[in-house]
Amino acid sequence: MAKYLALFSSLQRKKRRGKVGRKRRRVDVLVLPEEIPLELQIEIMARLPAKSLMRFKCLSKLCNLYLTVTSRPRQPRIYTSLVHHRACIDSTQVCHNPCESALLSLSSSSNGAEDDEMSLDQDLTLPWMGGHNTMVLRGLILNTVCRKACIYNPATRQSVTLPAIKSNISAPQIDDLNTVAYFLGHDPVLDQYKVVCTVATSPDIRECTTSAESEHWVFVLEAGGSWKRIEFDQNPHFPTTRGVCINGVIYYLASCSCFLDSVLVNFDVRTEEFNMIIDLPDEIDSDIMGLIEYGGKPAIFDQTILRDEGLVDLWELGDGGEWSKKSLVLQPCQMHLFDDDDDIDELVVESTTRNGEVFLTTYAWKFPRYVLYYDLQKNDIRKVTIRGIPDHWFGKPYDYYFYSYIKLMDKSESIMHLET
């Protein structure tokens, strides 16, 4: 009897193993679904919140690749803001209060490269957004409002205001001698954004009795970020221009003494170090000339006599830290482009385009609004009238209290989720 029971038990185990085997074989022959097309994957990601995209970008190499290389080419865009300058509450310092900003895109009916009039459509109107000392980098916009850094991402419609810096430098009674300057930088190796701040007091050039002081701070744009002071063992300096970020290095012009000795400051975003400070030729006035990127290097564009004499000087920085000057003379037939300018229309260098054109504008807020593109390769200039700025902006008086700012946006877009 026991023999038959053992045989029966053995047969049952074989049946069970057979069923399991058949089930496994059936699973093995299941047909997997087809791979999701790339276009559909991109469309799905385009509909996701920016915070989710950033998580996918960190967790998936494939998502990181898609989000890095599949950005759509955009039409040229201009960021413009109207700012009201007034005294801060309980302070003698001037506060740059934003009234409104607008993001304008080139209209499909205008090619922008050949027409003397550039028609733009309003992509976005931003009430109470803006500021002065605007810097644009890889789709992010940095403004200074009441001595604080404000960053806006047009792609995600997010903005963040960084906390105030607790500086050890006491503010002088004269506000012109005190500054808080912010610069936006990007580290291409770690794909990391940082804000650099210089708090400085300038020596009083009217008496030359005080010495310059400066502190330097850095803020990593990420969750939990905070200001960290940077050691600086060189001469204190007072920033005089907005900065440019070239290949992970921030450059800006500054003054070092009451004798207005001008220097070019170099800050490495990844190592968070000031690598070198280069003296400028005596002919360069760092307060009014423009710092630009030219050929992948910093250069200084002297536009001070362009309107009156049709002449510009381009100062290029060599690999050894030496400066070389190249003078360009505008064609006489193009001098009529400045005939309608008023004396207050001081030309301001804003940036350069990908085609190597220098983008110039004015602070004068009048209708019609125009910008200039100076082609350094062809030694050619074109004046473009901008249509699309909100009409109600032009009713403001041009005086100490109202200023307008125009910045040329790069064609990059950032999906970065702003969080501190």
Protein backbone atom coordinates (compact mmCIF):
# COMPACT_ATOMS: atom_id res chain seq x y z
CA MET A 1 0.00 0.00 0.00
CA ALA A 2 2.79 2.35 0.89
CA LYS A 3 4.35 1.59 -2.48
CA TYR A 4 1.20 2.74 -4.33
CA LEU A 5 0.92 5.88 -2.21
CA ALA A 6 4.52 6.81 -2.99
CA LEU A 7 3.89 6.25 -6.72
CA PHE A 8 0.70 8.37 -6.60
CA SER A 9 2.53 11.18 -4.78
CA SER A 10 5.32 11.09 -7.34
CA LEU A 11 2.82 11.35 -10.22
CA GLN A 12 1.12 14.35 -8.54
CA ARG A 13 4.44 16.16 -8.20
CA LYS A 14 5.20 15.53 -11.87
CA LYS A 15 1.79 16.92 -12.86
CA ARG A 16 2.36 20.04 -10.78
CA ARG A 17 5.81 20.50 -12.25
CA GLY A 18 4.35 19.99 -15.69
CA LYS A 19 1.69 22.65 -15.11
CA VAL A 20 4.26 25.08 -13.75
CA GLY A 21 6.53 24.35 -16.68
CA ARG A 22 3.69 24.90 -19.14
CA LYS A 23 2.81 28.18 -17.42
CA ARG A 24 6.41 29.29 -17.58
CA ARG A 25 6.62 28.34 -21.23
CA ARG A 26 3.48 30.36 -21.94
CA VAL A 27 4.99 33.37 -20.17
CA ASP A 28 8.16 33.01 -22.18
CA VAL A 29 6.31 33.29 -25.48
CA LEU A 30 4.36 36.44 -24.55
CA VAL A 31 4.91 39.24 -27.09
CA LEU A 32 6.28 42.43 -25.50
CA PRO A 33 4.69 45.76 -26.52
CA GLU A 34 6.49 47.90 -29.07
CA GLU A 35 8.84 50.62 -27.82
CA ILE A 36 7.20 54.02 -27.32
CA PRO A 37 8.24 56.31 -30.20
CA LEU A 38 10.69 59.09 -29.35
CA GLU A 39 8.26 61.80 -30.48
CA LEU A 40 5.59 60.49 -28.10
CA GLN A 41 8.07 60.30 -25.21
CA ILE A 42 9.04 63.94 -25.76
CA GLU A 43 5.38 64.96 -25.97
CA ILE A 44 4.67 63.18 -22.67
CA MET A 45 7.63 64.87 -20.97
CA ALA A 46 6.57 68.26 -22.32
CA ARG A 47 3.28 67.93 -20.43
CA LEU A 48 4.88 67.08 -17.08
CA PRO A 49 5.60 69.60 -14.30
CA ALA A 50 9.12 70.98 -14.22
CA LYS A 51 9.78 69.42 -10.81
CA SER A 52 8.99 65.94 -12.16
CA LEU A 53 11.19 66.51 -15.19
CA MET A 54 14.13 67.43 -12.99
CA ARG A 55 13.67 64.21 -11.00
CA PHE A 56 13.61 62.14 -14.19
CA LYS A 57 16.67 64.02 -15.43
CA CYS A 58 18.60 63.03 -12.31
CA LEU A 59 17.40 59.40 -12.20
CA SER A 60 17.48 58.41 -15.86
CA LYS A 61 20.37 58.80 -18.27
CA LEU A 62 17.93 58.48 -21.17
CA CYS A 63 15.69 61.27 -19.84
CA ASN A 64 18.75 63.41 -19.18
CA LEU A 65 19.80 62.95 -22.81
CA TYR A 66 16.34 63.82 -24.15
CA LEU A 67 15.95 66.87 -21.92
CA THR A 68 19.42 68.11 -22.83
CA VAL A 69 19.43 67.78 -26.61
CA THR A 70 15.80 67.94 -27.72
CA SER A 71 14.97 71.57 -26.97
CA ARG A 72 13.04 73.15 -29.80
CA PRO A 73 14.66 76.02 -31.74
CA ARG A 74 12.99 79.28 -30.77
CA GLN A 75 12.45 82.53 -32.58
CA PRO A 76 14.52 85.45 -31.26
CA ARG A 77 13.09 86.87 -28.04
CA ILE A 78 13.54 90.13 -26.13
CA TYR A 79 13.02 90.67 -22.41
CA THR A 80 12.01 94.22 -21.51
CA SER A 81 11.12 95.76 -18.16
CA LEU A 82 9.93 99.10 -16.79
CA VAL A 83 11.38 99.95 -13.39
CA HIS A 84 10.44 102.67 -10.91
CA HIS A 85 13.34 103.92 -8.80
CA ARG A 86 12.34 105.18 -5.37
CA ALA A 87 13.70 105.28 -1.86
CA CYS A 88 13.28 102.15 0.21
CA ILE A 89 11.20 102.38 3.38
CA ASP A 90 13.30 103.48 6.40
CA SER A 91 16.38 103.80 4.22
CA THR A 92 18.24 106.38 2.18
CA GLN A 93 19.10 103.76 -0.43
CA VAL A 94 17.38 103.67 -3.81
CA CYS A 95 15.12 100.68 -4.41
CA HIS A 96 14.58 99.52 -7.97
CA ASN A 97 10.92 98.55 -7.90
CA PRO A 98 9.65 96.64 -10.93
CA CYS A 99 6.45 97.91 -12.52
CA GLU A 100 6.02 95.33 -15.26
CA SER A 101 8.03 93.14 -17.60
CA ALA A 102 7.23 91.51 -20.91
CA LEU A 103 8.76 88.67 -22.90
CA LEU A 104 8.48 89.35 -26.62
CA SER A 105 8.99 86.87 -29.46
CA LEU A 106 9.69 87.62 -33.09
CA SER A 107 6.49 87.50 -35.11
CA SER A 108 6.23 84.88 -37.84
CA SER A 109 5.54 87.69 -40.33
CA SER A 110 8.88 89.37 -39.62
CA ASN A 111 12.26 87.89 -40.43
CA GLY A 112 14.11 90.22 -38.06
CA ALA A 113 17.33 89.98 -40.03
CA GLU A 114 16.51 92.11 -43.05
CA ASP A 115 13.59 94.30 -42.02
CA ASP A 116 14.20 97.70 -40.39
CA GLU A 117 11.16 97.02 -38.22
CA MET A 118 10.92 94.00 -35.97
CA SER A 119 7.39 92.95 -35.06
CA LEU A 120 7.15 91.01 -31.84
CA ASP A 121 4.28 89.26 -30.12
CA GLN A 122 3.84 89.29 -26.36
CA ASP A 123 4.60 85.80 -25.10
CA LEU A 124 4.21 86.80 -21.51
CA THR A 125 3.36 89.90 -19.48
CA LEU A 126 4.75 89.84 -15.95
CA PRO A 127 3.22 92.33 -13.51
CA TRP A 128 5.59 93.45 -10.74
CA MET A 129 8.43 91.49 -12.32
CA GLY A 130 11.75 92.94 -13.36
CA GLY A 131 14.55 95.00 -11.87
CA HIS A 132 17.89 96.45 -12.85
CA ASN A 133 21.29 94.95 -13.69
CA THR A 134 19.50 92.22 -15.61
CA MET A 135 21.56 89.21 -16.69
CA VAL A 136 20.29 86.45 -19.00
CA LEU A 137 21.95 83.02 -19.06
CA ARG A 138 20.72 79.79 -20.66
CA GLY A 139 17.05 80.79 -20.43
CA LEU A 140 17.18 82.12 -16.85
CA ILE A 141 16.77 85.82 -16.00
CA LEU A 142 18.54 87.43 -13.04
CA ASN A 143 17.28 90.81 -11.75
CA THR A 144 18.25 92.96 -8.78
CA VAL A 145 15.31 94.31 -6.76
CA CYS A 146 15.93 96.28 -3.57
CA ARG A 147 19.43 94.82 -3.26
CA LYS A 148 18.19 91.22 -3.50
CA ALA A 149 18.71 88.72 -6.34
CA CYS A 150 15.53 87.62 -8.11
CA ILE A 151 15.64 84.79 -10.65
CA TYR A 152 12.87 84.02 -13.14
CA ASN A 153 12.46 81.02 -15.46
CA PRO A 154 10.09 81.86 -18.36
CA ALA A 155 9.84 78.19 -19.39
CA THR A 156 8.37 77.07 -16.05
CA ARG A 157 6.85 80.47 -15.05
CA GLN A 158 8.67 80.24 -11.72
CA SER A 159 10.51 82.94 -9.82
CA VAL A 160 12.54 82.92 -6.63
CA THR A 161 14.04 85.69 -4.51
CA LEU A 162 17.26 84.79 -2.75
CA PRO A 163 17.68 85.79 0.91
CA ALA A 164 19.53 88.98 1.74
CA ILE A 165 23.23 88.75 2.51
CA LYS A 166 24.36 89.56 6.04
CA SER A 167 27.43 91.58 5.17
CA ASN A 168 30.02 92.84 7.64
CA ILE A 169 30.61 95.93 5.52
CA SER A 170 28.89 98.99 6.94
CA ALA A 171 27.02 101.02 4.34
CA PRO A 172 28.34 104.57 3.90
CA GLN A 173 26.07 107.57 4.14
CA ILE A 174 26.38 108.23 0.39
CA ASP A 175 24.55 105.48 -1.48
CA ASP A 176 26.62 105.98 -4.65
CA LEU A 177 29.59 104.55 -2.76
CA ASN A 178 27.86 101.30 -1.84
CA THR A 179 26.78 98.49 -4.13
CA VAL A 180 25.51 94.94 -4.11
CA ALA A 181 26.23 93.31 -7.48
CA TYR A 182 24.92 89.90 -8.55
CA PHE A 183 26.21 87.67 -11.35
CA LEU A 184 24.71 84.43 -12.69
CA GLY A 185 27.03 81.61 -13.70
CA HIS A 186 26.75 78.05 -15.01
CA ASP A 187 29.15 75.16 -14.48
CA PRO A 188 29.01 73.03 -17.67
CA VAL A 189 30.77 70.09 -16.00
CA LEU A 190 28.28 69.59 -13.14
CA ASP A 191 25.39 71.34 -14.94
CA GLN A 192 24.99 73.61 -11.93
CA TYR A 193 23.86 77.23 -11.65
CA LYS A 194 25.35 79.62 -9.10
CA VAL A 195 24.75 83.25 -8.15
CA VAL A 196 27.83 85.25 -7.18
CA CYS A 197 27.49 88.43 -5.14
CA THR A 198 29.99 91.20 -4.49
CA VAL A 199 29.19 93.62 -1.66
CA ALA A 200 31.47 96.63 -1.93
CA THR A 201 32.07 100.20 -0.86
CA SER A 202 33.89 102.44 -3.28
CA PRO A 203 36.38 105.08 -2.18
CA ASP A 204 35.04 108.62 -2.36
CA ILE A 205 36.71 110.02 -5.49
CA ARG A 206 35.75 113.54 -4.44
CA GLU A 207 38.01 113.37 -1.39
CA CYS A 208 39.96 110.13 -1.85
CA THR A 209 40.00 109.60 1.90
CA THR A 210 38.37 106.18 2.15
CA SER A 211 39.62 102.86 0.87
CA ALA A 212 37.58 100.30 -1.01
CA GLU A 213 36.15 97.28 0.78
CA SER A 214 34.54 94.21 -0.75
CA GLU A 215 33.06 90.88 0.27
CA HIS A 216 32.24 87.99 -2.03
CA TRP A 217 29.53 85.37 -1.68
CA VAL A 218 28.19 82.44 -3.70
CA PHE A 219 24.78 80.73 -3.72
CA VAL A 220 24.17 77.34 -5.39
CA LEU A 221 20.72 77.24 -7.02
CA GLU A 222 19.35 74.08 -5.48
CA ALA A 223 17.05 72.99 -2.67
CA GLY A 224 18.47 74.02 0.69
CA GLY A 225 20.92 76.48 -0.86
CA SER A 226 22.40 79.31 1.22
CA TRP A 227 24.96 82.07 0.88
CA LYS A 228 28.58 81.06 1.48
CA ARG A 229 31.32 83.62 1.83
CA ILE A 230 34.35 83.24 -0.46
CA GLU A 231 37.85 84.08 0.64
CA PHE A 232 39.48 86.77 -1.47
CA ASP A 233 43.14 87.64 -0.91
CA GLN A 234 43.54 90.28 -3.63
CA ASN A 235 42.80 94.00 -3.68
CA PRO A 236 39.16 94.92 -2.92
CA HIS A 237 37.19 96.05 -5.95
CA PHE A 238 33.93 97.78 -6.84
CA PRO A 239 32.01 96.22 -9.80
CA THR A 240 31.15 98.71 -12.55
CA THR A 241 29.49 96.55 -15.23
CA ARG A 242 27.18 93.60 -15.56
CA GLY A 243 28.95 90.30 -16.02
CA VAL A 244 29.17 87.71 -18.76
CA CYS A 245 29.59 83.96 -18.25
CA ILE A 246 31.81 82.24 -20.82
CA ASN A 247 32.52 78.49 -20.60
CA GLY A 248 31.96 78.31 -16.85
CA VAL A 249 33.81 81.53 -15.99
CA ILE A 250 32.19 84.83 -14.93
CA TYR A 251 33.89 88.04 -16.06
CA TYR A 252 33.09 91.60 -14.99
CA LEU A 253 34.79 95.01 -14.91
CA ALA A 254 35.58 96.74 -11.63
CA SER A 255 37.37 99.68 -10.02
CA CYS A 256 40.07 99.21 -7.39
CA SER A 257 40.89 102.66 -6.01
CA CYS A 258 39.83 106.27 -5.84
CA PHE A 259 42.04 106.87 -8.89
CA LEU A 260 39.59 104.69 -10.88
CA ASP A 261 42.10 101.97 -11.71
CA SER A 262 40.02 99.53 -13.77
CA VAL A 263 40.43 95.75 -13.83
CA LEU A 264 38.83 92.68 -15.37
CA VAL A 265 37.75 90.16 -12.73
CA ASN A 266 37.68 86.42 -13.47
CA PHE A 267 35.66 83.97 -11.32
CA ASP A 268 35.57 80.19 -11.92
CA VAL A 269 32.03 78.92 -11.25
CA ARG A 270 32.99 75.30 -10.51
CA THR A 271 35.98 75.89 -8.21
CA GLU A 272 34.45 79.07 -6.73
CA GLU A 273 37.76 80.89 -6.99
CA PHE A 274 38.89 84.24 -8.34
CA ASN A 275 41.65 83.11 -10.66
CA MET A 276 43.03 86.39 -11.93
CA ILE A 277 42.47 90.11 -12.04
CA ILE A 278 43.80 91.79 -15.17
CA ASP A 279 44.58 95.51 -15.38
CA LEU A 280 42.86 97.43 -18.17
CA PRO A 281 44.55 99.91 -20.52
CA ASP A 282 44.24 103.54 -19.42
CA GLU A 283 42.03 104.31 -22.43
CA ILE A 284 39.24 102.03 -21.19
CA ASP A 285 36.47 103.55 -19.09
CA SER A 286 34.89 100.59 -17.32
CA ASP A 287 31.85 102.63 -16.25
CA ILE A 288 30.42 103.23 -19.72
CA MET A 289 32.02 100.73 -22.10
CA GLY A 290 30.55 97.29 -22.67
CA LEU A 291 31.95 93.89 -21.70
CA ILE A 292 31.02 91.28 -24.32
CA GLU A 293 31.88 87.77 -25.47
CA TYR A 294 33.83 87.74 -28.72
CA GLY A 295 35.28 84.57 -30.19
CA GLY A 296 34.72 82.67 -26.95
CA LYS A 297 36.72 85.21 -24.92
CA PRO A 298 35.95 88.43 -23.03
CA ALA A 299 36.32 91.66 -24.97
CA ILE A 300 35.52 95.33 -24.38
CA PHE A 301 33.42 97.28 -26.87
CA ASP A 302 33.93 101.06 -26.81
CA GLN A 303 30.79 102.66 -28.25
CA THR A 304 31.27 106.11 -26.67
CA ILE A 305 31.93 107.98 -29.94
CA LEU A 306 29.95 105.73 -32.28
CA ARG A 307 27.05 108.16 -32.62
CA ASP A 308 29.17 111.30 -33.08
CA GLU A 309 32.11 110.02 -35.13
CA GLY A 310 31.06 106.57 -36.37
CA LEU A 311 34.03 104.94 -34.65
CA VAL A 312 34.25 101.97 -32.27
CA ASP A 313 37.22 100.33 -30.59
CA LEU A 314 37.27 96.63 -29.82
CA TRP A 315 39.70 95.51 -27.11
CA GLU A 316 40.46 91.78 -27.25
CA LEU A 317 42.07 89.77 -24.46
CA GLY A 318 44.87 87.43 -25.53
CA ASP A 319 45.78 84.07 -24.00
CA GLY A 320 48.65 85.66 -22.09
CA GLY A 321 46.49 88.36 -20.52
CA GLU A 322 47.58 91.11 -22.93
CA TRP A 323 45.14 93.52 -24.61
CA SER A 324 45.02 94.36 -28.32
CA LYS A 325 42.89 97.09 -29.89
CA LYS A 326 41.10 97.02 -33.22
CA SER A 327 39.37 100.17 -34.51
CA LEU A 328 36.34 100.00 -36.78
CA VAL A 329 35.02 102.95 -38.78
CA LEU A 330 31.36 102.99 -39.76
CA GLN A 331 30.47 103.69 -43.38
CA PRO A 332 29.42 107.36 -43.88
CA CYS A 333 26.18 106.27 -45.55
CA GLN A 334 25.04 104.73 -42.24
CA MET A 335 25.53 107.77 -40.02
CA HIS A 336 21.94 108.86 -40.70
CA LEU A 337 20.80 106.09 -38.35
CA PHE A 338 21.64 108.42 -35.45
CA ASP A 339 19.99 111.58 -36.82
CA ASP A 340 16.85 111.22 -34.69
CA ASP A 341 18.69 110.56 -31.44
CA ASP A 342 18.53 112.99 -28.53
CA ASP A 343 21.48 113.82 -26.33
CA ILE A 344 20.04 111.65 -23.57
CA ASP A 345 20.03 108.60 -25.83
CA GLU A 346 23.32 107.23 -24.53
CA LEU A 347 24.11 103.95 -26.24
CA VAL A 348 24.39 100.98 -23.89
CA VAL A 349 26.04 97.67 -24.79
CA GLU A 350 23.81 94.79 -23.68
CA SER A 351 25.16 91.55 -25.14
CA THR A 352 26.18 89.74 -28.32
CA THR A 353 24.18 87.41 -30.54
CA ARG A 354 25.23 83.95 -31.68
CA ASN A 355 26.13 85.51 -35.03
CA GLY A 356 28.65 87.80 -33.37
CA GLU A 357 26.57 90.99 -33.51
CA VAL A 358 26.79 93.48 -30.64
CA PHE A 359 23.34 94.33 -29.28
CA LEU A 360 23.00 98.01 -28.27
CA THR A 361 20.08 99.94 -26.85
CA THR A 362 19.32 103.10 -24.85
CA TYR A 363 17.72 103.83 -21.50
CA ALA A 364 15.54 106.57 -22.98
CA TRP A 365 11.95 105.33 -22.96
CA LYS A 366 10.22 106.88 -25.94
CA PHE A 367 8.15 105.77 -28.88
CA PRO A 368 9.17 104.21 -31.20
CA ARG A 369 11.65 102.00 -29.34
CA TYR A 370 14.68 100.81 -31.27
CA VAL A 371 17.81 98.69 -30.88
CA LEU A 372 21.05 98.50 -32.85
CA TYR A 373 22.92 95.45 -34.12
CA TYR A 374 26.61 96.00 -34.89
CA ASP A 375 28.18 93.23 -36.98
CA LEU A 376 31.86 93.11 -36.05
CA GLN A 377 32.80 90.79 -38.91
CA LYS A 378 31.17 92.88 -41.64
CA ASN A 379 31.65 96.24 -39.90
CA ASP A 380 27.99 96.94 -40.52
CA ILE A 381 25.21 98.32 -38.35
CA ARG A 382 21.42 98.11 -38.58
CA LYS A 383 18.75 99.93 -36.64
CA VAL A 384 15.64 97.93 -35.79
CA THR A 385 12.41 99.44 -34.49
CA ILE A 386 10.61 97.19 -32.03
CA ARG A 387 6.85 96.85 -32.23
CA GLY A 388 5.05 94.94 -29.50
CA ILE A 389 5.99 96.71 -26.27
CA PRO A 390 2.88 97.52 -24.16
CA ASP A 391 1.50 100.91 -25.21
CA HIS A 392 0.84 102.12 -21.66
CA TRP A 393 4.56 102.01 -20.90
CA PHE A 394 5.24 105.05 -23.07
CA GLY A 395 3.20 107.45 -20.94
CA LYS A 396 5.88 107.43 -18.25
CA PRO A 397 8.24 110.41 -17.85
CA TYR A 398 11.92 109.85 -18.57
CA ASP A 399 13.65 111.10 -15.45
CA TYR A 400 15.38 109.72 -12.40
CA TYR A 401 12.32 107.75 -11.34
CA PHE A 402 11.59 105.62 -14.41
CA TYR A 403 14.03 103.52 -16.38
CA SER A 404 13.55 100.92 -19.07
CA TYR A 405 15.72 97.88 -19.69
CA ILE A 406 15.93 95.64 -22.74
CA LYS A 407 17.82 92.35 -22.87
CA LEU A 408 18.26 89.97 -25.76
CA MET A 409 17.27 86.45 -24.70
CA ASP A 410 19.41 83.55 -25.84
CA LYS A 411 17.71 80.71 -27.70
CA SER A 412 18.13 78.31 -24.80
CA GLU A 413 15.32 77.17 -22.54
CA SER A 414 15.81 75.83 -19.04
CA ILE A 415 13.49 73.30 -17.40
CA MET A 416 15.20 73.93 -14.09
CA HIS A 417 12.82 73.90 -11.13
CA LEU A 418 13.67 76.96 -9.03
CA GLU A 419 13.81 75.99 -5.38
CA THR A 420 15.80 77.26 -2.42
